[in-house]
N, C-alpha and C. Protein backbone atom coordinates (compact mmCIF):
# COMPACT_ATOMS: atom_id res chain seq x y z
N UNK A 1 76.45 -59.31 88.34
CA UNK A 1 75.02 -59.43 88.46
C UNK A 1 74.38 -58.06 88.18
N UNK A 2 73.42 -58.03 87.28
CA UNK A 2 72.77 -56.76 86.96
C UNK A 2 71.31 -56.81 87.37
N UNK A 3 70.81 -55.67 87.75
CA UNK A 3 69.42 -55.56 88.15
C UNK A 3 68.65 -54.80 87.09
N UNK A 4 67.43 -55.23 86.87
CA UNK A 4 66.58 -54.57 85.89
C UNK A 4 65.53 -53.75 86.64
N UNK A 5 65.33 -52.53 86.21
CA UNK A 5 64.35 -51.66 86.85
C UNK A 5 63.01 -51.86 86.14
N UNK A 6 62.00 -52.11 86.93
CA UNK A 6 60.66 -52.33 86.39
C UNK A 6 59.77 -51.18 86.81
N UNK A 7 59.09 -50.59 85.85
CA UNK A 7 58.18 -49.49 86.14
C UNK A 7 56.84 -50.05 86.62
N UNK A 8 56.32 -49.48 87.69
CA UNK A 8 55.05 -49.92 88.23
C UNK A 8 53.90 -48.97 87.86
N UNK A 9 54.17 -48.02 87.00
CA UNK A 9 53.13 -47.08 86.59
C UNK A 9 52.20 -47.76 85.61
N UNK A 10 50.94 -47.38 85.66
CA UNK A 10 49.95 -47.94 84.75
C UNK A 10 50.17 -47.38 83.36
N UNK A 11 50.06 -48.25 82.39
CA UNK A 11 50.17 -47.80 81.00
C UNK A 11 48.81 -47.29 80.55
N UNK A 12 48.82 -46.18 79.88
CA UNK A 12 47.59 -45.60 79.35
C UNK A 12 47.36 -46.18 77.95
N UNK A 13 46.12 -46.44 77.64
CA UNK A 13 45.80 -46.89 76.30
C UNK A 13 44.56 -46.16 75.82
N UNK A 14 44.44 -46.10 74.53
CA UNK A 14 43.37 -45.35 73.90
C UNK A 14 42.10 -46.21 73.87
N UNK A 15 41.14 -45.92 74.73
CA UNK A 15 39.92 -46.70 74.80
C UNK A 15 39.04 -46.50 73.56
N UNK A 16 39.22 -45.42 72.85
CA UNK A 16 38.39 -45.16 71.68
C UNK A 16 38.71 -46.13 70.54
N UNK A 17 39.88 -46.76 70.58
CA UNK A 17 40.25 -47.70 69.53
C UNK A 17 39.61 -49.06 69.74
N UNK A 18 39.17 -49.34 70.95
CA UNK A 18 38.54 -50.62 71.24
C UNK A 18 37.06 -50.52 70.85
N UNK A 19 36.64 -51.37 69.92
CA UNK A 19 35.25 -51.35 69.50
C UNK A 19 34.59 -52.64 69.96
N UNK A 20 33.49 -52.50 70.63
CA UNK A 20 32.73 -53.64 71.12
C UNK A 20 31.38 -53.63 70.42
N UNK A 21 31.10 -54.71 69.72
CA UNK A 21 29.82 -54.79 69.04
C UNK A 21 28.75 -55.23 70.04
N UNK A 22 27.58 -54.64 69.96
CA UNK A 22 26.51 -55.05 70.87
C UNK A 22 26.03 -56.46 70.52
N UNK A 23 25.44 -57.16 71.48
CA UNK A 23 24.91 -58.50 71.19
C UNK A 23 23.85 -58.43 70.09
N UNK A 24 23.74 -59.52 69.34
CA UNK A 24 22.82 -59.58 68.20
C UNK A 24 21.54 -60.30 68.56
N UNK A 25 20.46 -59.91 67.91
CA UNK A 25 19.20 -60.64 68.01
C UNK A 25 19.30 -61.86 67.10
N UNK A 26 18.45 -62.85 67.32
CA UNK A 26 18.46 -64.06 66.48
C UNK A 26 18.22 -63.69 65.01
N UNK A 27 17.36 -62.72 64.77
CA UNK A 27 17.08 -62.29 63.40
C UNK A 27 18.32 -61.69 62.75
N UNK A 28 19.10 -60.94 63.52
CA UNK A 28 20.34 -60.34 63.00
C UNK A 28 21.39 -61.41 62.71
N UNK A 29 21.44 -62.43 63.56
CA UNK A 29 22.35 -63.55 63.31
C UNK A 29 21.96 -64.25 62.01
N UNK A 30 20.65 -64.45 61.82
CA UNK A 30 20.16 -65.10 60.61
C UNK A 30 20.57 -64.31 59.36
N UNK A 31 20.43 -63.01 59.41
CA UNK A 31 20.82 -62.17 58.27
C UNK A 31 22.32 -62.23 58.04
N UNK A 32 23.09 -62.23 59.11
CA UNK A 32 24.55 -62.23 59.02
C UNK A 32 25.07 -63.54 58.43
N UNK A 33 24.43 -64.66 58.76
CA UNK A 33 24.87 -65.98 58.30
C UNK A 33 24.05 -66.50 57.12
N UNK A 34 23.13 -65.70 56.64
CA UNK A 34 22.31 -66.04 55.48
C UNK A 34 21.51 -67.33 55.68
N UNK A 35 20.86 -67.42 56.83
CA UNK A 35 19.99 -68.54 57.15
C UNK A 35 18.68 -67.98 57.68
N UNK A 36 17.72 -68.86 57.92
CA UNK A 36 16.44 -68.38 58.46
C UNK A 36 16.53 -68.24 59.98
N UNK A 37 15.67 -67.40 60.57
CA UNK A 37 15.64 -67.29 62.04
C UNK A 37 15.33 -68.64 62.71
N UNK A 38 14.56 -69.50 62.05
CA UNK A 38 14.26 -70.82 62.61
C UNK A 38 15.54 -71.66 62.72
N UNK A 39 16.44 -71.52 61.77
CA UNK A 39 17.72 -72.23 61.82
C UNK A 39 18.54 -71.78 63.02
N UNK A 40 18.55 -70.48 63.27
CA UNK A 40 19.28 -69.95 64.43
C UNK A 40 18.69 -70.52 65.71
N UNK A 41 17.36 -70.61 65.79
CA UNK A 41 16.71 -71.19 66.96
C UNK A 41 17.11 -72.65 67.12
N UNK A 42 17.18 -73.40 66.03
CA UNK A 42 17.62 -74.81 66.10
C UNK A 42 19.07 -74.90 66.58
N UNK A 43 19.91 -73.99 66.12
CA UNK A 43 21.31 -73.98 66.56
C UNK A 43 21.38 -73.78 68.08
N UNK A 44 20.54 -72.91 68.62
CA UNK A 44 20.56 -72.64 70.06
C UNK A 44 20.03 -73.83 70.86
N UNK A 45 19.19 -74.68 70.26
CA UNK A 45 18.57 -75.80 70.97
C UNK A 45 19.31 -77.13 70.75
N UNK A 46 20.42 -77.10 70.01
CA UNK A 46 21.17 -78.34 69.77
C UNK A 46 21.60 -78.96 71.09
N UNK A 47 21.59 -80.30 71.15
CA UNK A 47 22.05 -80.98 72.36
C UNK A 47 23.56 -80.95 72.48
N UNK A 48 24.25 -81.10 71.35
CA UNK A 48 25.71 -81.08 71.35
C UNK A 48 26.19 -79.75 70.79
N UNK A 49 26.94 -79.03 71.59
CA UNK A 49 27.51 -77.74 71.21
C UNK A 49 26.48 -76.74 70.67
N UNK A 50 25.51 -76.33 71.50
CA UNK A 50 24.53 -75.34 71.05
C UNK A 50 25.16 -73.95 70.89
N UNK A 51 24.54 -73.13 70.08
CA UNK A 51 24.98 -71.75 69.89
C UNK A 51 24.82 -71.01 71.22
N UNK A 52 25.91 -70.44 71.78
CA UNK A 52 25.80 -69.71 73.05
C UNK A 52 24.88 -68.50 72.91
N UNK A 53 23.93 -68.38 73.81
CA UNK A 53 23.01 -67.24 73.78
C UNK A 53 22.62 -66.89 75.21
N UNK A 54 22.12 -65.67 75.35
CA UNK A 54 21.66 -65.19 76.65
C UNK A 54 20.22 -64.71 76.50
N UNK A 55 19.43 -64.98 77.50
CA UNK A 55 18.05 -64.50 77.51
C UNK A 55 17.92 -63.43 78.58
N UNK A 56 17.31 -62.33 78.18
CA UNK A 56 17.09 -61.22 79.10
C UNK A 56 15.66 -60.75 78.90
N UNK A 57 14.83 -61.01 79.88
CA UNK A 57 13.41 -60.63 79.82
C UNK A 57 12.73 -61.19 78.57
N UNK A 58 13.06 -62.42 78.22
CA UNK A 58 12.44 -63.06 77.06
C UNK A 58 13.11 -62.75 75.74
N UNK A 59 14.09 -61.87 75.73
CA UNK A 59 14.79 -61.52 74.50
C UNK A 59 16.09 -62.31 74.40
N UNK A 60 16.34 -62.88 73.23
CA UNK A 60 17.56 -63.65 73.01
C UNK A 60 18.63 -62.73 72.45
N UNK A 61 19.82 -62.82 73.03
CA UNK A 61 20.95 -62.04 72.55
C UNK A 61 22.15 -62.97 72.38
N UNK A 62 22.90 -62.76 71.30
CA UNK A 62 24.05 -63.60 70.99
C UNK A 62 25.26 -62.68 70.79
N UNK A 63 26.30 -62.93 71.57
CA UNK A 63 27.53 -62.14 71.44
C UNK A 63 28.20 -62.45 70.12
N UNK A 64 28.72 -61.44 69.45
CA UNK A 64 29.34 -61.59 68.14
C UNK A 64 30.55 -62.53 68.21
N UNK A 65 31.39 -62.36 69.22
CA UNK A 65 32.57 -63.22 69.36
C UNK A 65 32.16 -64.68 69.57
N UNK A 66 31.13 -64.91 70.40
CA UNK A 66 30.64 -66.27 70.62
C UNK A 66 30.11 -66.88 69.34
N UNK A 67 29.38 -66.07 68.57
CA UNK A 67 28.82 -66.54 67.30
C UNK A 67 29.93 -66.95 66.35
N UNK A 68 30.92 -66.09 66.17
CA UNK A 68 31.99 -66.38 65.21
C UNK A 68 32.80 -67.59 65.64
N UNK A 69 33.11 -67.72 66.93
CA UNK A 69 33.85 -68.89 67.43
C UNK A 69 33.05 -70.17 67.21
N UNK A 70 31.77 -70.13 67.56
CA UNK A 70 30.90 -71.29 67.42
C UNK A 70 30.75 -71.68 65.95
N UNK A 71 30.54 -70.71 65.09
CA UNK A 71 30.34 -70.98 63.66
C UNK A 71 31.59 -71.60 63.06
N UNK A 72 32.74 -71.07 63.41
CA UNK A 72 33.99 -71.62 62.89
C UNK A 72 34.19 -73.05 63.38
N UNK A 73 33.87 -73.32 64.62
CA UNK A 73 34.01 -74.66 65.20
C UNK A 73 33.09 -75.68 64.53
N UNK A 74 31.92 -75.24 64.10
CA UNK A 74 30.91 -76.17 63.58
C UNK A 74 30.79 -76.23 62.07
N UNK A 75 31.20 -75.19 61.37
CA UNK A 75 30.94 -75.17 59.93
C UNK A 75 32.17 -74.91 59.05
N UNK A 76 33.29 -74.58 59.63
CA UNK A 76 34.47 -74.30 58.80
C UNK A 76 35.57 -75.30 59.04
């Protein structure tokens, strides 16, 4: 019977390699997907599988990862 030694030390990783894109405005989503801002608004108001968005003080923000996942699910 052999025993394996497991290290409990935390592994260090380079945080500078992790890039996080800031949330996008509806207008930026429209430019990125080559549609009108009104289309993006319709996507957010859909009854079935709406585009995930967050409102903060009246401003709409859409996470890039949420946008790409949603777009792939609905259009590709």
